[in-house]
Amino acid sequence: MKNLVHRTLILGLALVLVIVIAGGYVGYTLVNQPASTPAISPSPTATASPVPTDDSTQRQVRDEALIYIESNHPEATLYTQSLSWSGGRVETGLTGSENYQYTTLTSALGSAGWTVTINYPVVPNPIYTVTANYTQTGVETPVNITWEGTWQNGTITETSYISNINAALEPQEQARNDVMGYIQAVHVETDQFMQSLTWEGGRTNTGLTGAEKYVYTTAHGMAGGAWWTVELNYPVVPNPIYTVTTNYTQTGVQSPYTIAWNGTWQNRVVNETGYSSNVPMNQEQIRDSIMNYIGINHDQTVQFMQDLNWTGGRVETGLTGAEKYNYTTLISAPGAAGWTLTLDYPVVPNPVYTVTANYTQTGVQTPFNVDWEGTWQSGAITETSYVFSP
């Protein structure tokens, strides 16, 4: 009996030991291994980068290319001022590359402006290939500039530059040309007197300390003789303001034309302070002069002055001794968009025209509006009000 109890006790202890060991093993397994094997995520598949909606980098490339051209080719500076850009991404249908194109019209006669094209592969830190072209038409001597280069990490490398314009002018010559270009653009009646001009002249001794004077004249092939005179006066200081007087004189005819212009020039900016002319103008020429004035003096409006197609003319008012002309135009913009220009004036010799020019736009979330008011008399334009929104 004693042996039976002894064997029973030994068997019981062995059974407890097995249970404890097994329990410890099961516990370890539950803590350190998952109850089930998790699903294995598939390896990521390479996908093309989404098309960017922010073209800030491309615009930076465009602007730095123009700055490079301006800095390294000073003769092109005349055509890089007050630019108003439009454009963006162009769909090419090609995989792995992007193409952007930007264009702008400048305040110049005829059709004139830049086209900048940017191409690059869709890879990290790409090399941007840039082409910048400036073309000008509608003038006797059109201007053409073609520049090619690359951009990467803010570094520009020029690969090609072709231009048909002369090298950089002296400041006095540049001032003279800028003033004449302004007169020709704003006062359209002067265009007929600005063909094939050849200048002569230069510095004139004034006998004054601290002041300089330059006088330029040109002959024009018209009956009896006709010529322009441009006089520049300025103090001898850094970045001076030039006071400019320009006159057109004609002789040998019964009723000679005369044109007189006064203004200032500094840093390629022309400001008109006085103008008079006895060259006859019709209402359409007055309209075009007003629009050119607005475009040159308010460069944010240039984007709305592309390919204008005017309609309209004289409006019957029923009033004696007063005339009214109304012109409108639609341009290729979303919704309805266009200009309305109105001329009101009394029927008297050398009348003062009251002018309003309005640009309105509809069909877009944030429409642009331009409201301009002023007067015109003998070619002189006076602005009395200007509002641009937004």
Protein backbone atom coordinates (compact mmCIF):
# COMPACT_ATOMS: atom_id res chain seq x y z
CA MET A 1 0.00 0.00 0.00
CA LYS A 2 2.80 2.29 0.85
CA ASN A 3 4.46 1.62 -2.49
CA LEU A 4 1.20 2.33 -4.31
CA VAL A 5 0.86 5.70 -2.63
CA HIS A 6 4.48 6.46 -3.41
CA ARG A 7 4.01 5.60 -7.12
CA THR A 8 0.81 7.64 -7.25
CA LEU A 9 2.56 10.67 -5.75
CA ILE A 10 5.41 10.43 -8.26
CA LEU A 11 2.96 10.18 -11.20
CA GLY A 12 1.02 13.18 -9.91
CA LEU A 13 4.12 15.32 -9.60
CA ALA A 14 5.19 14.37 -13.13
CA LEU A 15 1.78 15.29 -14.48
CA VAL A 16 1.89 18.69 -12.76
CA LEU A 17 5.40 19.29 -14.13
CA VAL A 18 4.22 18.50 -17.68
CA ILE A 19 1.25 20.82 -17.33
CA VAL A 20 3.42 23.67 -15.96
CA ILE A 21 6.00 23.23 -18.71
CA ALA A 22 3.31 23.06 -21.37
CA GLY A 23 1.52 26.06 -19.91
CA GLY A 24 4.70 28.09 -19.92
CA TYR A 25 5.37 27.17 -23.55
CA VAL A 26 1.85 28.07 -24.63
CA GLY A 27 2.10 31.42 -22.83
CA TYR A 28 5.38 32.27 -24.53
CA THR A 29 3.93 31.41 -27.88
CA LEU A 30 0.90 33.70 -27.40
CA VAL A 31 3.01 36.68 -26.36
CA ASN A 32 5.72 36.53 -29.01
CA GLN A 33 3.98 35.28 -32.14
CA PRO A 34 0.83 36.59 -33.81
CA ALA A 35 -2.16 34.40 -33.71
CA SER A 36 -2.42 34.64 -37.50
CA THR A 37 -0.05 35.70 -40.27
CA PRO A 38 -0.87 39.25 -41.49
CA ALA A 39 -1.50 39.95 -45.19
CA ILE A 40 1.69 41.01 -47.00
CA SER A 41 1.36 44.39 -48.72
CA PRO A 42 2.22 44.26 -52.43
CA SER A 43 5.35 46.09 -53.59
CA PRO A 44 4.58 49.68 -54.68
CA THR A 45 4.22 50.14 -58.42
CA ALA A 46 6.04 53.12 -60.02
CA THR A 47 3.54 55.64 -61.40
CA ALA A 48 4.02 58.83 -63.40
CA SER A 49 4.07 62.03 -61.40
CA PRO A 50 0.80 63.95 -61.57
CA VAL A 51 0.68 66.93 -63.90
CA PRO A 52 1.63 69.99 -61.81
CA THR A 53 -0.98 72.66 -61.39
CA ASP A 54 1.53 75.20 -60.07
CA ASP A 55 3.80 76.59 -62.77
CA SER A 56 5.89 78.74 -60.42
CA THR A 57 9.11 76.95 -61.42
CA GLN A 58 8.40 77.34 -65.13
CA ARG A 59 7.62 81.03 -64.66
CA GLN A 60 10.88 81.41 -62.73
CA VAL A 61 12.75 79.81 -65.63
CA ARG A 62 10.99 82.16 -68.08
CA ASP A 63 11.72 85.30 -66.07
CA GLU A 64 15.36 84.42 -65.38
CA ALA A 65 15.89 83.73 -69.09
CA LEU A 66 14.59 87.22 -69.94
CA ILE A 67 16.77 88.76 -67.23
CA TYR A 68 19.77 86.93 -68.68
CA ILE A 69 18.99 88.24 -72.17
CA GLU A 70 18.59 91.77 -70.83
CA SER A 71 21.87 91.61 -68.87
CA ASN A 72 24.00 90.03 -71.59
CA HIS A 73 22.44 91.66 -74.66
CA PRO A 74 21.68 95.29 -73.73
CA GLU A 75 20.32 96.07 -77.18
CA ALA A 76 17.34 93.83 -76.33
CA THR A 77 16.45 95.80 -73.19
CA LEU A 78 14.05 98.04 -75.13
CA TYR A 79 11.85 95.00 -75.72
CA THR A 80 11.87 93.51 -72.20
CA GLN A 81 10.02 96.27 -70.36
CA SER A 82 6.50 96.09 -68.85
CA LEU A 83 5.72 92.61 -70.13
CA SER A 84 2.32 91.05 -69.44
CA TRP A 85 2.48 87.28 -69.83
CA SER A 86 -0.17 84.74 -70.71
CA GLY A 87 0.00 80.99 -71.35
CA GLY A 88 1.11 77.91 -69.45
CA ARG A 89 1.27 74.14 -69.92
CA VAL A 90 0.80 72.81 -73.45
CA GLU A 91 -0.52 69.29 -73.98
CA THR A 92 1.92 67.42 -76.23
CA GLY A 93 0.62 63.87 -75.94
CA LEU A 94 4.15 62.67 -75.13
CA THR A 95 4.89 60.59 -72.05
CA GLY A 96 7.77 61.58 -69.82
CA SER A 97 8.16 65.20 -70.92
CA GLU A 98 6.49 68.55 -70.28
CA ASN A 99 6.08 71.61 -72.47
CA TYR A 100 5.17 75.16 -71.39
CA GLN A 101 4.68 78.20 -73.59
CA TYR A 102 4.23 81.84 -72.61
CA THR A 103 3.52 84.84 -74.83
CA THR A 104 3.24 88.56 -74.34
CA LEU A 105 2.42 91.67 -76.33
CA THR A 106 4.50 94.75 -75.70
CA SER A 107 3.61 98.41 -76.02
CA ALA A 108 4.99 98.69 -79.54
CA LEU A 109 3.60 99.41 -82.97
CA GLY A 110 2.20 96.60 -85.05
CA SER A 111 2.22 93.08 -83.68
CA ALA A 112 5.11 92.66 -81.31
CA GLY A 113 5.91 90.34 -78.46
CA TRP A 114 7.82 87.45 -76.93
CA THR A 115 7.19 83.74 -77.14
CA VAL A 116 9.02 81.65 -74.55
CA THR A 117 8.92 77.86 -74.83
CA ILE A 118 10.17 75.57 -72.04
CA ASN A 119 10.72 71.82 -72.48
CA TYR A 120 12.03 69.33 -69.94
CA PRO A 121 11.91 65.60 -69.12
CA VAL A 122 9.86 64.47 -66.12
CA VAL A 123 12.83 63.37 -63.98
CA PRO A 124 14.26 64.62 -60.70
CA ASN A 125 16.10 67.93 -61.13
CA PRO A 126 15.63 68.17 -64.91
CA ILE A 127 17.52 70.38 -67.34
CA TYR A 128 15.06 72.88 -68.84
CA THR A 129 15.52 73.71 -72.53
CA VAL A 130 14.39 77.29 -73.19
CA THR A 131 13.69 79.14 -76.44
CA ALA A 132 12.79 82.85 -76.39
CA ASN A 133 11.72 84.64 -79.57
CA TYR A 134 10.81 88.29 -80.02
CA THR A 135 9.11 89.29 -83.27
CA GLN A 136 7.78 92.66 -84.40
CA THR A 137 5.75 93.47 -87.49
CA GLY A 138 3.91 96.49 -88.82
CA VAL A 139 6.99 98.71 -88.92
CA GLU A 140 9.42 99.49 -91.71
CA THR A 141 12.29 97.71 -89.96
CA PRO A 142 10.90 94.72 -88.04
CA VAL A 143 12.80 93.39 -85.04
CA ASN A 144 13.69 89.73 -84.57
CA ILE A 145 15.45 88.16 -81.59
CA THR A 146 16.02 84.44 -81.10
CA TRP A 147 17.63 83.11 -77.92
CA GLU A 148 18.20 79.50 -76.88
CA GLY A 149 19.63 78.07 -73.72
CA THR A 150 19.18 75.80 -70.72
CA TRP A 151 18.26 76.28 -67.06
CA GLN A 152 19.04 74.04 -64.11
CA ASN A 153 19.15 74.92 -60.41
CA GLY A 154 19.11 78.62 -61.24
CA THR A 155 22.01 78.42 -63.67
CA ILE A 156 21.43 79.60 -67.23
CA THR A 157 23.62 78.51 -70.12
CA GLU A 158 23.23 80.29 -73.45
CA THR A 159 23.54 78.10 -76.52
CA SER A 160 22.47 80.54 -79.26
CA TYR A 161 21.60 84.21 -79.75
CA ILE A 162 20.59 85.89 -83.02
CA SER A 163 19.35 89.48 -83.35
CA ASN A 164 18.91 91.98 -86.15
CA ILE A 165 19.04 95.04 -83.86
CA ASN A 166 22.04 97.24 -83.29
CA ALA A 167 24.27 97.10 -80.27
CA ALA A 168 23.40 99.06 -77.16
CA LEU A 169 22.94 102.78 -77.69
CA GLU A 170 24.36 105.62 -75.69
CA PRO A 171 21.90 106.82 -73.01
CA GLN A 172 21.14 110.00 -74.95
CA GLU A 173 20.40 108.08 -78.15
CA GLN A 174 18.28 105.61 -76.20
CA ALA A 175 16.30 108.47 -74.66
CA ARG A 176 15.78 110.01 -78.09
CA ASN A 177 14.59 106.73 -79.61
CA ASP A 178 12.32 105.90 -76.66
CA VAL A 179 10.65 109.30 -76.86
CA MET A 180 10.13 109.03 -80.61
CA GLY A 181 8.70 105.54 -80.19
CA TYR A 182 6.29 106.81 -77.54
CA ILE A 183 5.13 109.67 -79.77
CA GLN A 184 4.63 107.36 -82.73
CA ALA A 185 2.61 104.86 -80.66
CA VAL A 186 0.40 107.26 -78.69
CA HIS A 187 -0.06 109.92 -81.35
CA VAL A 188 -0.85 107.78 -84.37
CA GLU A 189 -1.10 110.77 -86.70
CA THR A 190 2.70 111.17 -86.45
CA ASP A 191 3.45 107.78 -88.00
CA GLN A 192 3.47 109.22 -91.51
CA PHE A 193 6.36 111.51 -90.54
CA MET A 194 8.54 108.85 -88.91
CA GLN A 195 9.60 106.68 -91.80
CA SER A 196 13.30 106.18 -92.62
CA LEU A 197 14.63 108.74 -90.14
CA THR A 198 18.38 109.36 -90.12
CA TRP A 199 19.70 111.24 -87.10
CA GLU A 200 22.62 113.59 -86.76
CA GLY A 201 23.86 115.77 -83.95
CA GLY A 202 24.90 115.11 -80.38
CA ARG A 203 26.35 116.97 -77.43
CA THR A 204 26.04 120.76 -77.39
CA ASN A 205 28.22 122.95 -75.20
CA THR A 206 25.99 124.84 -72.79
CA GLY A 207 28.71 126.65 -70.85
CA LEU A 208 26.98 125.54 -67.67
CA THR A 209 28.68 123.49 -64.97
CA GLY A 210 26.84 120.35 -63.92
CA ALA A 211 24.43 120.30 -66.86
CA GLU A 212 24.45 118.57 -70.23
CA LYS A 213 22.55 119.18 -73.46
CA TYR A 214 22.18 117.02 -76.56
CA VAL A 215 20.41 118.06 -79.77
CA TYR A 216 19.51 115.69 -82.60
CA THR A 217 17.93 116.58 -85.94
CA THR A 218 16.80 114.63 -88.95
CA ALA A 219 15.74 115.50 -92.50
CA HIS A 220 12.58 114.05 -93.97
CA GLY A 221 11.94 113.67 -97.67
CA MET A 222 8.86 115.84 -98.05
CA ALA A 223 8.17 118.86 -100.26
CA GLY A 224 9.88 122.00 -99.02
CA GLY A 225 11.81 120.23 -96.32
CA ALA A 226 10.69 118.81 -93.01
CA TRP A 227 12.61 117.62 -89.99
CA TRP A 228 12.45 116.54 -86.39
CA THR A 229 14.43 118.13 -83.59
CA VAL A 230 14.94 116.36 -80.26
CA GLU A 231 16.58 118.29 -77.44
CA LEU A 232 17.71 116.59 -74.21
CA ASN A 233 18.69 118.47 -71.05
CA TYR A 234 19.77 116.83 -67.82
CA PRO A 235 21.87 117.45 -64.71
CA VAL A 236 25.17 115.63 -64.28
CA VAL A 237 24.07 113.36 -61.45
CA PRO A 238 23.68 109.59 -61.15
CA ASN A 239 20.58 108.35 -63.00
CA PRO A 240 19.35 111.80 -64.08
CA ILE A 241 15.89 112.75 -65.29
CA TYR A 242 16.09 113.95 -68.89
CA THR A 243 13.91 116.88 -69.88
CA VAL A 244 12.98 116.34 -73.52
CA THR A 245 11.56 118.69 -76.15
CA THR A 246 10.62 117.32 -79.56
CA ASN A 247 9.38 119.31 -82.55
CA TYR A 248 8.39 118.51 -86.10
CA THR A 249 8.84 121.41 -88.50
CA GLN A 250 7.71 121.62 -92.11
CA THR A 251 8.33 124.36 -94.66
CA GLY A 252 7.63 125.05 -98.31
CA VAL A 253 3.93 124.22 -98.20
CA GLN A 254 0.90 126.46 -97.81
CA SER A 255 -0.35 124.82 -94.62
CA PRO A 256 2.64 123.25 -92.87
CA TYR A 257 2.17 120.61 -90.21
CA THR A 258 3.66 121.27 -86.81
CA ILE A 259 4.07 118.89 -83.89
CA ALA A 260 5.39 119.79 -80.44
CA TRP A 261 6.02 117.33 -77.60
CA ASN A 262 7.39 117.83 -74.10
CA GLY A 263 8.16 115.28 -71.43
CA THR A 264 10.75 113.45 -69.39
CA TRP A 265 12.80 110.26 -69.69
CA GLN A 266 14.43 108.16 -66.97
CA ASN A 267 15.29 104.45 -66.87
CA ARG A 268 13.51 103.82 -70.18
CA VAL A 269 10.28 105.34 -68.84
CA VAL A 270 8.74 108.18 -70.88
CA ASN A 271 6.33 110.66 -69.33
CA GLU A 272 4.47 113.14 -71.48
CA THR A 273 3.86 116.62 -70.06
CA GLY A 274 2.66 118.44 -73.18
CA TYR A 275 1.65 117.80 -76.76
CA SER A 276 0.12 119.74 -79.62
CA SER A 277 -0.38 119.03 -83.30
CA ASN A 278 -2.25 120.53 -86.24
CA VAL A 279 -2.24 117.24 -88.16
CA PRO A 280 -5.90 116.39 -88.87
CA MET A 281 -7.26 113.21 -87.32
CA ASN A 282 -10.49 111.30 -87.70
CA GLN A 283 -12.42 109.67 -84.88
CA GLU A 284 -10.92 106.24 -85.49
CA GLN A 285 -7.41 107.63 -85.17
CA ILE A 286 -8.41 109.37 -81.95
CA ARG A 287 -9.82 106.07 -80.67
CA ASP A 288 -6.59 104.23 -81.50
CA SER A 289 -4.47 106.94 -79.87
CA ILE A 290 -6.49 106.67 -76.67
CA MET A 291 -6.14 102.88 -76.60
CA ASN A 292 -2.38 103.07 -77.19
CA TYR A 293 -2.11 105.64 -74.40
CA ILE A 294 -3.97 103.34 -71.99
CA GLY A 295 -1.85 100.34 -72.96
CA ILE A 296 1.48 102.14 -72.57
CA ASN A 297 0.63 103.90 -69.31
CA HIS A 298 -1.27 100.99 -67.72
CA ASP A 299 0.56 97.82 -68.73
CA GLN A 300 -1.93 95.50 -66.95
CA THR A 301 -4.42 96.37 -69.69
CA VAL A 302 -2.23 95.10 -72.56
CA GLN A 303 -3.52 91.55 -72.02
CA PHE A 304 -6.97 92.77 -73.11
CA MET A 305 -5.78 94.56 -76.26
CA GLN A 306 -4.92 91.62 -78.47
CA ASP A 307 -6.58 91.27 -81.87
CA LEU A 308 -9.20 93.95 -81.33
CA ASN A 309 -11.92 94.10 -83.97
CA TRP A 310 -13.78 97.38 -83.70
CA THR A 311 -17.33 98.06 -84.78
CA GLY A 312 -19.47 101.17 -84.44
CA GLY A 313 -19.21 104.82 -85.37
CA ARG A 314 -21.34 107.93 -85.19
CA VAL A 315 -24.37 107.82 -82.89
CA GLU A 316 -27.43 109.97 -83.51
CA THR A 317 -28.06 111.95 -80.32
CA GLY A 318 -30.75 114.37 -81.49
CA LEU A 319 -28.71 117.21 -80.01
CA THR A 320 -27.74 120.26 -82.04
CA GLY A 321 -24.13 121.31 -81.94
CA ALA A 322 -22.83 118.04 -80.42
CA GLU A 323 -21.45 114.83 -81.84
CA LYS A 324 -21.03 111.36 -80.35
CA TYR A 325 -19.13 108.30 -81.57
CA ASN A 326 -19.35 104.87 -79.97
CA TYR A 327 -17.04 101.90 -80.71
CA THR A 328 -17.13 98.37 -79.28
CA THR A 329 -15.06 95.23 -79.68
CA LEU A 330 -15.15 91.64 -78.49
CA ILE A 331 -11.97 89.68 -77.88
CA SER A 332 -11.34 85.94 -77.60
CA ALA A 333 -11.84 85.55 -73.84
CA PRO A 334 -14.12 83.32 -71.72
CA GLY A 335 -17.67 84.59 -71.62
CA ALA A 336 -18.44 88.01 -73.04
CA ALA A 337 -15.52 90.43 -72.90
CA GLY A 338 -14.68 93.59 -74.75
CA TRP A 339 -14.07 97.31 -74.89
CA THR A 340 -16.51 100.17 -75.31
CA LEU A 341 -15.05 103.56 -76.21
CA THR A 342 -17.16 106.70 -76.48
CA LEU A 343 -16.23 110.13 -77.88
CA ASP A 344 -18.37 113.19 -77.10
CA TYR A 345 -17.51 116.66 -78.36
CA PRO A 346 -19.09 119.99 -79.33
CA VAL A 347 -19.14 121.02 -82.98
CA VAL A 348 -16.66 123.89 -82.67
CA PRO A 349 -13.19 124.53 -84.07
CA ASN A 350 -10.54 122.45 -82.27
CA PRO A 351 -12.99 120.83 -79.83
CA VAL A 352 -12.18 119.08 -76.59
CA TYR A 353 -13.25 115.44 -76.84
CA THR A 354 -14.60 113.82 -73.69
CA VAL A 355 -13.57 110.18 -73.80
CA THR A 356 -14.58 107.08 -71.82
CA ALA A 357 -13.07 103.64 -72.39
CA ASN A 358 -14.42 100.62 -70.52
CA TYR A 359 -13.41 96.97 -70.55
CA THR A 360 -15.98 94.56 -69.14
CA GLN A 361 -15.80 90.79 -68.74
CA THR A 362 -18.42 88.21 -67.82
CA GLY A 363 -18.61 84.44 -67.63
CA VAL A 364 -15.67 83.99 -65.27
CA GLN A 365 -15.49 83.74 -61.50
CA THR A 366 -13.30 86.81 -61.08
CA PRO A 367 -13.94 89.21 -63.98
CA PHE A 368 -11.59 92.03 -64.90
CA ASN A 369 -12.87 95.56 -65.39
CA VAL A 370 -11.18 98.70 -66.66
CA ASP A 371 -12.71 102.18 -66.47
CA TRP A 372 -10.80 105.04 -68.07
CA GLU A 373 -11.86 108.66 -68.53
CA GLY A 374 -10.06 111.58 -70.07
CA THR A 375 -9.98 114.22 -72.78
CA TRP A 376 -8.38 114.64 -76.18
CA GLN A 377 -7.59 117.91 -77.97
CA SER A 378 -5.17 118.56 -80.83
CA GLY A 379 -3.59 115.19 -80.18
CA ALA A 380 -3.02 115.85 -76.48
CA ILE A 381 -4.47 113.22 -74.15
CA THR A 382 -5.30 114.02 -70.54
CA GLU A 383 -6.27 111.24 -68.15
CA THR A 384 -8.81 112.23 -65.52
CA SER A 385 -9.72 108.83 -64.03
CA TYR A 386 -8.49 105.25 -64.16
CA VAL A 387 -9.77 102.23 -62.25
CA PHE A 388 -8.62 98.62 -62.73
CA SER A 389 -10.13 95.63 -60.94
CA PRO A 390 -9.60 93.17 -59.50
